[in-house]
Structures are given as C-alpha cells and as structure tokens.
C-alpha atoms as a PDB file:
ATOM      1  CA  MET A   1       0.134  -0.148   0.115  1.00  0.00           C
ATOM      2  CA  LYS A   2       1.352   3.796  -1.091  1.00  0.00           C
ATOM      3  CA  LEU A   3       2.261   6.015   1.818  1.00  0.00           C
ATOM      4  CA  GLN A   4      -0.076   9.233   0.622  1.00  0.00           C
ATOM      5  CA  ALA A   5       1.359  12.667   1.516  1.00  0.00           C
ATOM      6  CA  PHE A   6      -0.599  15.869   1.108  1.00  0.00           C
ATOM      7  CA  LEU A   7       1.095  19.011   0.454  1.00  0.00           C
ATOM      8  CA  PRO A   8      -0.599  22.376   1.497  1.00  0.00           C
ATOM      9  CA  LEU A   9       0.702  25.651  -0.326  1.00  0.00           C
ATOM     10  CA  VAL A  10      -0.171  29.242   0.705  1.00  0.00           C
ATOM     11  CA  THR A  11       0.394  32.251  -1.336  1.00  0.00           C
ATOM     12  CA  TYR A  12      -1.262  34.857   0.330  1.00  0.00           C
ATOM     13  CA  PRO A  13      -0.593  37.425   2.759  1.00  0.00           C
ATOM     14  CA  ASP A  14       3.076  35.353   2.298  1.00  0.00           C
ATOM     15  CA  SER A  15       3.891  32.819  -0.212  1.00  0.00           C
ATOM     16  CA  ASN A  16       6.056  29.249   0.425  1.00  0.00           C
ATOM     17  CA  SER A  17       9.218  29.510  -0.934  1.00  0.00           C
ATOM     18  CA  ASP A  18      10.003  27.622  -4.143  1.00  0.00           C
ATOM     19  CA  ALA A  19      12.421  25.578  -1.798  1.00  0.00           C
ATOM     20  CA  ILE A  20       9.206  23.464  -0.419  1.00  0.00           C
ATOM     21  CA  ALA A  21       8.918  21.753  -4.277  1.00  0.00           C
ATOM     22  CA  SER A  22      12.484  19.908  -4.183  1.00  0.00           C
ATOM     23  CA  ASN A  23      11.705  19.549  -0.315  1.00  0.00           C
ATOM     24  CA  ALA A  24       8.713  17.673  -0.800  1.00  0.00           C
ATOM     25  CA  THR A  25       8.341  15.990  -3.594  1.00  0.00           C
ATOM     26  CA  ALA A  26      12.204  14.457  -2.592  1.00  0.00           C
ATOM     27  CA  ILE A  27      10.702  13.450   1.169  1.00  0.00           C
ATOM     28  CA  ALA A  28       7.790  12.068  -1.750  1.00  0.00           C
ATOM     29  CA  ALA A  29      10.512   9.969  -3.649  1.00  0.00           C
ATOM     30  CA  TYR A  30      12.333   8.775  -0.494  1.00  0.00           C
ATOM     31  CA  LEU A  31       9.306   7.632   0.689  1.00  0.00           C
ATOM     32  CA  GLY A  32       7.846   5.586  -2.705  1.00  0.00           C
ATOM     33  CA  ALA A  33       4.619   7.920  -1.306  1.00  0.00           C
ATOM     34  CA  GLU A  34       2.302   9.737  -3.821  1.00  0.00           C
ATOM     35  CA  LEU A  35       1.494  13.433  -3.165  1.00  0.00           C
ATOM     36  CA  HIS A  36      -1.590  15.450  -3.829  1.00  0.00           C
ATOM     37  CA  ALA A  37      -0.028  19.302  -3.643  1.00  0.00           C
ATOM     38  CA  GLU A  38      -3.319  21.906  -3.177  1.00  0.00           C
ATOM     39  CA  VAL A  39      -2.675  25.529  -3.309  1.00  0.00           C
ATOM     40  CA  ILE A  40      -5.391  26.752  -1.214  1.00  0.00           C
ATOM     41  CA  THR A  41      -6.043  30.920  -2.941  1.00  0.00           C
ATOM     42  CA  ALA A  42      -7.126  33.428  -0.385  1.00  0.00           C
ATOM     43  CA  HIS A  43     -10.479  35.011  -0.420  1.00  0.00           C
ATOM     44  CA  ILE A  44     -10.841  38.749   0.308  1.00  0.00           C
ATOM     45  CA  PRO A  45     -13.883  39.710   1.496  1.00  0.00           C
ATOM     46  CA  ASN A  46     -15.715  42.410   0.379  1.00  0.00           C
ATOM     47  CA  VAL A  47     -16.730  44.523   2.719  1.00  0.00           C
ATOM     48  CA  SER A  48     -19.288  46.804   2.358  1.00  0.00           C
ATOM     49  CA  ASN A  49     -20.279  49.682   4.545  1.00  0.00           C
ATOM     50  CA  ALA A  50     -20.042  53.679   4.483  1.00  0.00           C
ATOM     51  CA  THR A  51     -16.346  53.664   5.073  1.00  0.00           C
ATOM     52  CA  SER A  52     -16.176  50.622   2.706  1.00  0.00           C
ATOM     53  CA  ARG A  53     -18.329  52.774  -0.328  1.00  0.00           C
ATOM     54  CA  LEU A  54     -16.064  55.991   0.563  1.00  0.00           C
ATOM     55  CA  LEU A  55     -12.677  53.578  -0.692  1.00  0.00           C
ATOM     56  CA  LEU A  56     -13.452  53.262  -4.436  1.00  0.00           C
ATOM     57  CA  GLU A  57      -9.947  51.472  -5.247  1.00  0.00           C
ATOM     58  CA  VAL A  58     -10.657  48.578  -1.812  1.00  0.00           C
ATOM     59  CA  PRO A  59     -12.758  46.674  -5.358  1.00  0.00           C
ATOM     60  CA  GLU A  60      -9.762  46.330  -7.080  1.00  0.00           C
ATOM     61  CA  LEU A  61      -6.923  46.072  -4.517  1.00  0.00           C
ATOM     62  CA  ILE A  62      -8.975  42.849  -3.649  1.00  0.00           C
ATOM     63  CA  ARG A  63      -8.878  41.434  -7.636  1.00  0.00           C
ATOM     64  CA  LYS A  64      -5.078  42.245  -7.482  1.00  0.00           C
ATOM     65  CA  ALA A  65      -4.598  40.632  -4.500  1.00  0.00           C
ATOM     66  CA  GLU A  66      -6.624  37.382  -5.338  1.00  0.00           C
ATOM     67  CA  ALA A  67      -4.894  37.244  -8.318  1.00  0.00           C
ATOM     68  CA  ALA A  68      -1.742  37.321  -6.949  1.00  0.00           C
ATOM     69  CA  SER A  69      -2.240  34.672  -5.284  1.00  0.00           C
ATOM     70  CA  ARG A  70      -3.633  32.578  -8.051  1.00  0.00           C
ATOM     71  CA  GLN A  71      -0.118  33.327 -10.749  1.00  0.00           C
ATOM     72  CA  ARG A  72       2.105  31.720  -7.216  1.00  0.00           C
ATOM     73  CA  GLY A  73      -0.697  29.082  -7.027  1.00  0.00           C
ATOM     74  CA  GLU A  74       0.485  28.139 -10.202  1.00  0.00           C
ATOM     75  CA  TYR A  75       3.700  29.266 -10.040  1.00  0.00           C
ATOM     76  CA  LEU A  76       4.742  26.703  -7.455  1.00  0.00           C
ATOM     77  CA  LEU A  77       2.685  23.831  -8.537  1.00  0.00           C
ATOM     78  CA  GLU A  78       4.559  24.636 -11.871  1.00  0.00           C
ATOM     79  CA  LYS A  79       7.802  24.486  -9.501  1.00  0.00           C
ATOM     80  CA  ILE A  80       6.243  20.810  -8.420  1.00  0.00           C
ATOM     81  CA  ARG A  81       5.919  19.915 -11.100  1.00  0.00           C
ATOM     82  CA  GLU A  82       9.308  19.438 -12.492  1.00  0.00           C
ATOM     83  CA  GLU A  83      10.628  18.136  -9.031  1.00  0.00           C
ATOM     84  CA  SER A  84       7.746  15.535  -9.488  1.00  0.00           C
ATOM     85  CA  ALA A  85       8.899  14.595 -12.882  1.00  0.00           C
ATOM     86  CA  MET A  86      12.606  14.119 -11.902  1.00  0.00           C
ATOM     87  CA  LYS A  87      11.996  11.926  -8.794  1.00  0.00           C
ATOM     88  CA  LEU A  88       9.663   9.913 -10.298  1.00  0.00           C
ATOM     89  CA  VAL A  89       7.092  10.777  -8.379  1.00  0.00           C
ATOM     90  CA  LYS A  90       3.812  10.875  -8.794  1.00  0.00           C
ATOM     91  CA  LEU A  91       1.654  13.265  -8.556  1.00  0.00           C
ATOM     92  CA  THR A  92      -2.191  14.928  -8.839  1.00  0.00           C
ATOM     93  CA  THR A  93      -3.053  18.231  -7.626  1.00  0.00           C
ATOM     94  CA  SER A  94      -5.924  20.819  -7.183  1.00  0.00           C
ATOM     95  CA  LEU A  95      -6.399  24.248  -6.373  1.00  0.00           C
ATOM     96  CA  SER A  96      -9.069  25.420  -3.526  1.00  0.00           C
ATOM     97  CA  SER A  97      -9.336  29.065  -1.552  1.00  0.00           C
ATOM     98  CA  ALA A  98     -10.624  29.476   1.854  1.00  0.00           C
ATOM     99  CA  ALA A  99     -11.306  33.378   3.369  1.00  0.00           C
ATOM    100  CA  LEU A 100      -7.492  34.489   5.385  1.00  0.00           C
ATOM    101  CA  LEU A 101      -8.867  34.002   8.984  1.00  0.00           C
ATOM    102  CA  PHE A 102      -9.515  30.147   7.805  1.00  0.00           C
ATOM    103  CA  VAL A 103      -6.739  28.808   5.008  1.00  0.00           C
ATOM    104  CA  GLY A 104      -4.948  26.417   8.004  1.00  0.00           C
ATOM    105  CA  GLU A 105      -8.589  24.883   8.810  1.00  0.00           C
ATOM    106  CA  ALA A 106      -9.017  24.327   4.941  1.00  0.00           C
ATOM    107  CA  ALA A 107      -5.800  22.170   5.373  1.00  0.00           C
ATOM    108  CA  ALA A 108      -6.570  20.431   8.135  1.00  0.00           C
ATOM    109  CA  ILE A 109      -9.388  19.378   7.131  1.00  0.00           C
ATOM    110  CA  GLU A 110      -8.030  18.721   3.687  1.00  0.00           C
ATOM    111  CA  ALA A 111      -4.732  17.000   5.573  1.00  0.00           C
ATOM    112  CA  ARG A 112      -7.528  13.802   7.801  1.00  0.00           C
ATOM    113  CA  TYR A 113      -7.306  11.931   4.141  1.00  0.00           C
ATOM    114  CA  PHE A 114      -3.706  11.403   3.921  1.00  0.00           C
ATOM    115  CA  ASP A 115      -0.595   9.356   5.224  1.00  0.00           C
ATOM    116  CA  LEU A 116       1.115  12.134   6.644  1.00  0.00           C
ATOM    117  CA  SER A 117       1.327  16.344   5.508  1.00  0.00           C
ATOM    118  CA  LEU A 118       4.480  18.340   4.074  1.00  0.00           C
ATOM    119  CA  LEU A 119       4.756  22.048   5.221  1.00  0.00           C
ATOM    120  CA  GLY A 120       6.590  24.697   3.753  1.00  0.00           C
ATOM    121  CA  TRP A 121       9.008  26.608   6.943  1.00  0.00           C
ATOM    122  CA  GLU A 122      10.456  30.116   6.848  1.00  0.00           C
ATOM    123  CA  ALA A 123      10.632  32.089   9.044  1.00  0.00           C
ATOM    124  CA  GLY A 124       9.692  34.911   9.285  1.00  0.00           C
ATOM    125  CA  ASN A 125       6.860  33.689   7.639  1.00  0.00           C
ATOM    126  CA  SER A 126       3.317  34.740   9.450  1.00  0.00           C
ATOM    127  CA  THR A 127       1.122  32.180   6.972  1.00  0.00           C
ATOM    128  CA  SER A 128       2.621  28.961   6.472  1.00  0.00           C
ATOM    129  CA  ARG A 129       3.272  28.976  10.535  1.00  0.00           C
ATOM    130  CA  ALA A 130      -0.314  29.744  10.985  1.00  0.00           C
ATOM    131  CA  THR A 131      -0.782  27.438   8.570  1.00  0.00           C
ATOM    132  CA  ALA A 132       1.654  24.467   9.844  1.00  0.00           C
ATOM    133  CA  GLU A 133       0.151  24.780  13.922  1.00  0.00           C
ATOM    134  CA  ALA A 134      -3.579  24.339  11.844  1.00  0.00           C
ATOM    135  CA  VAL A 135      -2.467  20.595  10.302  1.00  0.00           C
ATOM    136  CA  LEU A 136      -0.453  19.884  13.051  1.00  0.00           C
ATOM    137  CA  PHE A 137      -3.402  20.340  16.245  1.00  0.00           C
ATOM    138  CA  GLY A 138      -6.036  19.416  14.238  1.00  0.00           C
ATOM    139  CA  SER A 139      -5.614  16.988  11.381  1.00  0.00           C
ATOM    140  CA  GLY A 140      -4.802  14.535  13.280  1.00  0.00           C
ATOM    141  CA  ARG A 141      -2.373  12.942  10.833  1.00  0.00           C
ATOM    142  CA  PRO A 142       1.790  13.778  11.046  1.00  0.00           C
ATOM    143  CA  ALA A 143       2.925  16.710   9.701  1.00  0.00           C
ATOM    144  CA  ILE A 144       6.981  16.950   8.733  1.00  0.00           C
ATOM    145  CA  LEU A 145       7.980  20.832   9.375  1.00  0.00           C
ATOM    146  CA  LEU A 146      10.250  21.328   6.528  1.00  0.00           C
ATOM    147  CA  PRO A 147      13.049  24.151   6.553  1.00  0.00           C
ATOM    148  CA  GLU A 148      13.341  26.556   3.946  1.00  0.00           C
ATOM    149  CA  THR A 149      17.589  26.654   4.292  1.00  0.00           C
ATOM    150  CA  GLN A 150      17.652  22.874   3.655  1.00  0.00           C
ATOM    151  CA  ALA A 151      18.677  21.053   0.657  1.00  0.00           C
ATOM    152  CA  ILE A 152      16.791  17.266   1.703  1.00  0.00           C
ATOM    153  CA  GLY A 153      17.738  13.941   0.423  1.00  0.00           C
ATOM    154  CA  SER A 154      17.674  10.763   2.137  1.00  0.00           C
ATOM    155  CA  ILE A 155      17.279  10.281   5.703  1.00  0.00           C
ATOM    156  CA  SER A 156      18.982   7.620   6.984  1.00  0.00           C
ATOM    157  CA  HIS A 157      19.477   8.835  10.949  1.00  0.00           C
ATOM    158  CA  VAL A 158      16.310   9.873  12.787  1.00  0.00           C
ATOM    159  CA  ALA A 159      16.849  11.294  16.076  1.00  0.00           C
ATOM    160  CA  ILE A 160      14.390  10.634  18.135  1.00  0.00           C
ATOM    161  CA  ALA A 161      13.038  12.973  21.397  1.00  0.00           C
ATOM    162  CA  TRP A 162      11.708  10.550  23.922  1.00  0.00           C
ATOM    163  CA  ASP A 163      10.386  11.115  27.346  1.00  0.00           C
ATOM    164  CA  GLY A 164       8.405   8.766  27.810  1.00  0.00           C
ATOM    165  CA  SER A 165       4.735  10.474  27.502  1.00  0.00           C
ATOM    166  CA  ARG A 166       1.146   9.607  24.764  1.00  0.00           C
ATOM    167  CA  VAL A 167       2.421  12.150  22.192  1.00  0.00           C
ATOM    168  CA  ALA A 168       5.665  10.349  22.445  1.00  0.00           C
ATOM    169  CA  VAL A 169       4.604   7.511  21.697  1.00  0.00           C
ATOM    170  CA  ARG A 170       2.841   8.426  19.226  1.00  0.00           C
ATOM    171  CA  ALA A 171       4.855   9.982  17.378  1.00  0.00           C
ATOM    172  CA  VAL A 172       7.854   7.043  17.427  1.00  0.00           C
ATOM    173  CA  ALA A 173       4.371   4.705  15.750  1.00  0.00           C
ATOM    174  CA  ASP A 174       3.395   7.894  12.908  1.00  0.00           C
ATOM    175  CA  ALA A 175       7.219   8.030  12.122  1.00  0.00           C
ATOM    176  CA  LYS A 176       7.179   3.908  11.517  1.00  0.00           C
ATOM    177  CA  PRO A 177       7.715   5.029   7.703  1.00  0.00           C
ATOM    178  CA  PHE A 178      11.162   6.389   8.147  1.00  0.00           C
ATOM    179  CA  LEU A 179      12.705   4.255  11.221  1.00  0.00           C
ATOM    180  CA  GLU A 180      12.173   1.606   8.688  1.00  0.00           C
ATOM    181  CA  ARG A 181      14.750   3.144   6.896  1.00  0.00           C
ATOM    182  CA  ALA A 182      16.554   4.693   9.554  1.00  0.00           C
ATOM    183  CA  SER A 183      20.669   2.866   9.088  1.00  0.00           C
ATOM    184  CA  LYS A 184      20.530   4.913  12.548  1.00  0.00           C
ATOM    185  CA  ILE A 185      18.444   5.420  15.365  1.00  0.00           C
ATOM    186  CA  THR A 186      19.162   7.884  18.467  1.00  0.00           C
ATOM    187  CA  VAL A 187      16.742   7.785  20.944  1.00  0.00           C
ATOM    188  CA  LEU A 188      17.852  11.469  22.551  1.00  0.00           C
ATOM    189  CA  THR A 189      16.614  11.824  26.556  1.00  0.00           C
ATOM    190  CA  VAL A 190      16.849  15.354  28.440  1.00  0.00           C
ATOM    191  CA  VAL A 191      18.223  14.935  31.490  1.00  0.00           C
ATOM    192  CA  GLY A 192      17.599  17.565  34.459  1.00  0.00           C
ATOM    193  CA  GLU A 193      14.899  19.458  32.516  1.00  0.00           C
ATOM    194  CA  LYS A 194      11.411  17.558  34.248  1.00  0.00           C
ATOM    195  CA  PRO A 195      10.849  14.113  36.267  1.00  0.00           C
ATOM    196  CA  LEU A 196      11.078  11.542  33.696  1.00  0.00           C
ATOM    197  CA  MET A 197       7.882   8.938  33.800  1.00  0.00           C
ATOM    198  CA  GLU A 198      10.949   6.103  33.703  1.00  0.00           C
ATOM    199  CA  GLU A 199      14.634   6.733  34.223  1.00  0.00           C
ATOM    200  CA  ASN A 200      15.172   3.983  31.509  1.00  0.00           C
ATOM    201  CA  GLY A 201      13.047   5.027  29.300  1.00  0.00           C
ATOM    202  CA  ALA A 202      15.341   5.299  25.812  1.00  0.00           C
ATOM    203  CA  GLU A 203      17.333   2.665  27.065  1.00  0.00           C
ATOM    204  CA  ARG A 204      13.930   0.469  27.414  1.00  0.00           C
ATOM    205  CA  LEU A 205      12.483   1.862  23.429  1.00  0.00           C
ATOM    206  CA  ALA A 206      15.640   1.361  21.167  1.00  0.00           C
ATOM    207  CA  ALA A 207      15.648  -2.335  23.089  1.00  0.00           C
ATOM    208  CA  GLY A 208      12.422  -2.165  21.780  1.00  0.00           C
ATOM    209  CA  LEU A 209      13.408  -0.721  18.058  1.00  0.00           C
ATOM    210  CA  THR A 210      16.191  -3.127  18.265  1.00  0.00           C
ATOM    211  CA  LYS A 211      14.331  -6.179  18.693  1.00  0.00           C
ATOM    212  CA  ARG A 212      12.080  -5.300  16.075  1.00  0.00           C
ATOM    213  CA  GLY A 213      15.674  -5.304  13.737  1.00  0.00           C
ATOM    214  CA  LEU A 214      16.508  -1.698  13.400  1.00  0.00           C
ATOM    215  CA  ILE A 215      20.244  -0.251  15.167  1.00  0.00           C
ATOM    216  CA  ALA A 216      19.392   2.203  17.627  1.00  0.00           C
ATOM    217  CA  GLU A 217      20.480   3.573  20.667  1.00  0.00           C
ATOM    218  CA  ALA A 218      20.016   5.340  24.080  1.00  0.00           C
ATOM    219  CA  THR A 219      21.352   9.332  23.987  1.00  0.00           C
ATOM    220  CA  PRO A 220      20.868  11.011  27.206  1.00  0.00           C
ATOM    221  CA  ILE A 221      21.656  14.797  26.300  1.00  0.00           C
ATOM    222  CA  SER A 222      21.330  18.323  28.704  1.00  0.00           C
ATOM    223  CA  THR A 223      20.312  21.393  27.081  1.00  0.00           C
ATOM    224  CA  GLU A 224      21.202  23.870  30.114  1.00  0.00           C
ATOM    225  CA  ASP A 225      23.148  25.968  27.317  1.00  0.00           C
ATOM    226  CA  TYR A 226      19.128  26.360  25.208  1.00  0.00           C
ATOM    227  CA  PRO A 227      15.875  26.330  25.101  1.00  0.00           C
ATOM    228  CA  VAL A 228      14.587  22.859  25.120  1.00  0.00           C
ATOM    229  CA  GLY A 229      14.096  22.555  21.666  1.00  0.00           C
ATOM    230  CA  ILE A 230      16.584  24.257  20.506  1.00  0.00           C
ATOM    231  CA  GLY A 231      18.191  21.947  22.482  1.00  0.00           C
ATOM    232  CA  LEU A 232      17.124  18.012  20.734  1.00  0.00           C
ATOM    233  CA  GLN A 233      17.393  20.130  16.937  1.00  0.00           C
ATOM    234  CA  VAL A 234      21.552  20.974  18.369  1.00  0.00           C
ATOM    235  CA  HIS A 235      22.100  17.421  19.640  1.00  0.00           C
ATOM    236  CA  ALA A 236      20.375  15.766  16.422  1.00  0.00           C
ATOM    237  CA  ILE A 237      22.996  17.850  13.815  1.00  0.00           C
ATOM    238  CA  ALA A 238      25.653  17.377  16.304  1.00  0.00           C
ATOM    239  CA  ARG A 239      24.652  13.207  16.146  1.00  0.00           C
ATOM    240  CA  GLY A 240      24.089  13.602  11.808  1.00  0.00           C
ATOM    241  CA  ALA A 241      20.309  12.589  12.070  1.00  0.00           C
ATOM    242  CA  SER A 242      18.530  14.271   9.212  1.00  0.00           C
ATOM    243  CA  LEU A 243      15.057  13.945  10.961  1.00  0.00           C
ATOM    244  CA  LEU A 244      14.392  14.951  14.467  1.00  0.00           C
ATOM    245  CA  VAL A 245      10.603  13.055  15.359  1.00  0.00           C
ATOM    246  CA  MET A 246       9.121  14.251  18.270  1.00  0.00           C
ATOM    247  CA  GLY A 247       5.688  14.797  19.698  1.00  0.00           C
ATOM    248  CA  GLY A 248       3.727  18.505  19.014  1.00  0.00           C
ATOM    249  CA  TYR A 249       2.366  19.888  22.423  1.00  0.00           C
ATOM    250  CA  GLY A 250      -0.403  22.047  22.526  1.00  0.00           C
ATOM    251  CA  HIS A 251      -3.924  23.098  21.525  1.00  0.00           C
ATOM    252  CA  SER A 252      -5.816  26.051  19.705  1.00  0.00           C
ATOM    253  CA  VAL A 253      -7.966  27.937  21.157  1.00  0.00           C
ATOM    254  CA  VAL A 254     -10.715  29.984  17.866  1.00  0.00           C
ATOM    255  CA  ARG A 255      -7.154  29.498  15.680  1.00  0.00           C
ATOM    256  CA  ASP A 256      -4.121  30.992  18.687  1.00  0.00           C
ATOM    257  CA  PHE A 257      -2.538  27.830  19.522  1.00  0.00           C
ATOM    258  CA  VAL A 258      -1.794  27.542  22.990  1.00  0.00           C
ATOM    259  CA  LEU A 259       2.091  26.137  22.292  1.00  0.00           C
ATOM    260  CA  GLY A 260       4.113  23.175  24.593  1.00  0.00           C
ATOM    261  CA  GLY A 261       7.700  25.112  25.169  1.00  0.00           C
ATOM    262  CA  ALA A 262       9.814  22.474  23.212  1.00  0.00           C
ATOM    263  CA  THR A 263       7.118  22.200  20.531  1.00  0.00           C
ATOM    264  CA  GLU A 264       7.577  26.487  20.722  1.00  0.00           C
ATOM    265  CA  ASP A 265      11.223  26.334  20.117  1.00  0.00           C
ATOM    266  CA  VAL A 266      11.208  24.135  17.404  1.00  0.00           C
ATOM    267  CA  LEU A 267       8.581  26.596  15.932  1.00  0.00           C
ATOM    268  CA  ASP A 268      10.654  28.854  16.785  1.00  0.00           C
ATOM    269  CA  ASP A 269      13.538  28.830  15.218  1.00  0.00           C
ATOM    270  CA  LEU A 270      13.646  25.661  13.349  1.00  0.00           C
ATOM    271  CA  ARG A 271      17.161  23.562  12.281  1.00  0.00           C
ATOM    272  CA  LEU A 272      15.803  20.343  10.687  1.00  0.00           C
ATOM    273  CA  PRO A 273      13.571  18.928   9.046  1.00  0.00           C
ATOM    274  CA  VAL A 274      11.471  17.918  12.226  1.00  0.00           C
ATOM    275  CA  LEU A 275       7.762  14.884  12.768  1.00  0.00           C
ATOM    276  CA  PHE A 276       5.797  16.016  15.365  1.00  0.00           C
ATOM    277  CA  SER A 277       2.698  13.971  15.908  1.00  0.00           C
ATOM    278  CA  HIS A 278       0.037  15.426  18.293  1.00  0.00           C
END
C-alpha cells in the first residue's frame, strides 16, 4: 500500500518559498509515496459598509491580491510538477480557496484524508506558520516541517525525542516509514529538565527498536545552554541526524495556538526537518 502525502501550499499574504517543491518531492521520493499538492488561495471578502464605499479602490485592490495569490499558486504547482517528474514521484494537484482566517483550517481538514502532511517552513512567514499549526493540531495526522534553508535528501539517521509521554509514543509510531528505512536511530532523552516517567525509558525504546531489526541507541543529553526544543535539534544535528521525531504539545483556542515549551522552541527556530505528531 502506497503512502499518501499531502502538501498544502499557501500564497497570501505570505507565500511558501520555491524550496518547498524540491524538499517535499524529495521526501515523497524517499518514502515511495504519492504526493497530492493543493494550493489554497486567499479569498478576501469585500466588506460593504459606508467606509468601504468611500474607498473606491478597495474592490480593485482585492481583485489584484486574489489574482496574485492564484498566480503564485500556479507557479508553485509548476515547480512541483517539474521536481516530481525528475524524481519519479506520482503527483496529483488541486486548487481551492478559503477566507484568510480559515486557510489553515481548510488545510487541516484536507490533511485528514492522507497519511502525513509535508509543510514548508520559512522564518518570519506567518502564513506558513499558522497553516502548519492548524494542520499539526487539527488534522489528527503526523506532519513534517521542512525548513527552506536546507536541501533535503535521504533520511538515513533519525533522532527521536523521548520522554515516555503519549504524544512521544504516537510520534514514534507515526515515524515508522522513516525508522524502517534508517541506517541509524538515536533516542534522545533530556536529563535534568523535568522528571521522567521512567529513568530507563530511552534504553527500553532503543532495545525494543533493536528487537524489531533496527539499529538504535539511547543517548541522554543536557540542554542547559539552550531552550529544550533548540537543544534537541542541536544534539540531533551534532550526531548526524537528518530528521527529528517528536510529539507536539499544544491545543488551539479559536485558531490561536497554546503551545508546549519544546514545541514552541522548534516552531520559533527550525533547524532540520522535524516530524511532529499530536
């Protein structure tokens, strides 16, 4: 059974960068997954009131913004078609529209029909962040954040952030396609930050993965010089990992997201691809 990957593309007011085409298709090719890319263009309502009637240029500004959104979406889809053809990835595409405040929610609903989501991540891009948070906490599916500053290839070494929690367990299960393909797995446990459910939990997880025919080792780390989410990424990169797997802590309140500390650290400063599961 082929994995089905979903790639939502945002275009307004901030657009995904061109890097999403290469990175998303690289992950799909590595997994042997089929990729569905959907451009979600912005629908901007024309508020009809006394003030707007005085601003005669408003309808024209809205028309231009929506046209620019569609044009950028078509450009991104063409880039993805080119990359998919080069990497022999089976691709389907679609185009939809949503009101600005509901773009993330539309992406989250669509993501429920796929095995995982691939999300472009650009520093300072509030549109991609809001969409990623909505998918992460609203889709019920794992999501991989793909940093635009990094060219992504094969994922040979996977790091797991392990604290024994329910979301960490789910993240490991959701990462199975990557774990099965990895030549090395490192289980990272932060010591001295909070009480752990089990002192030897990382060793038990590594042993369980080894029994399943995988190559895994447990590594305790200290992040005292960094926020936890940054420290996890720093240690993962230092050990040669090309993917970090972790549980996503947080919940949404009327589309404003209340995040756990490590989750927010990663979203604020993404340094390598991270598979989040909530």
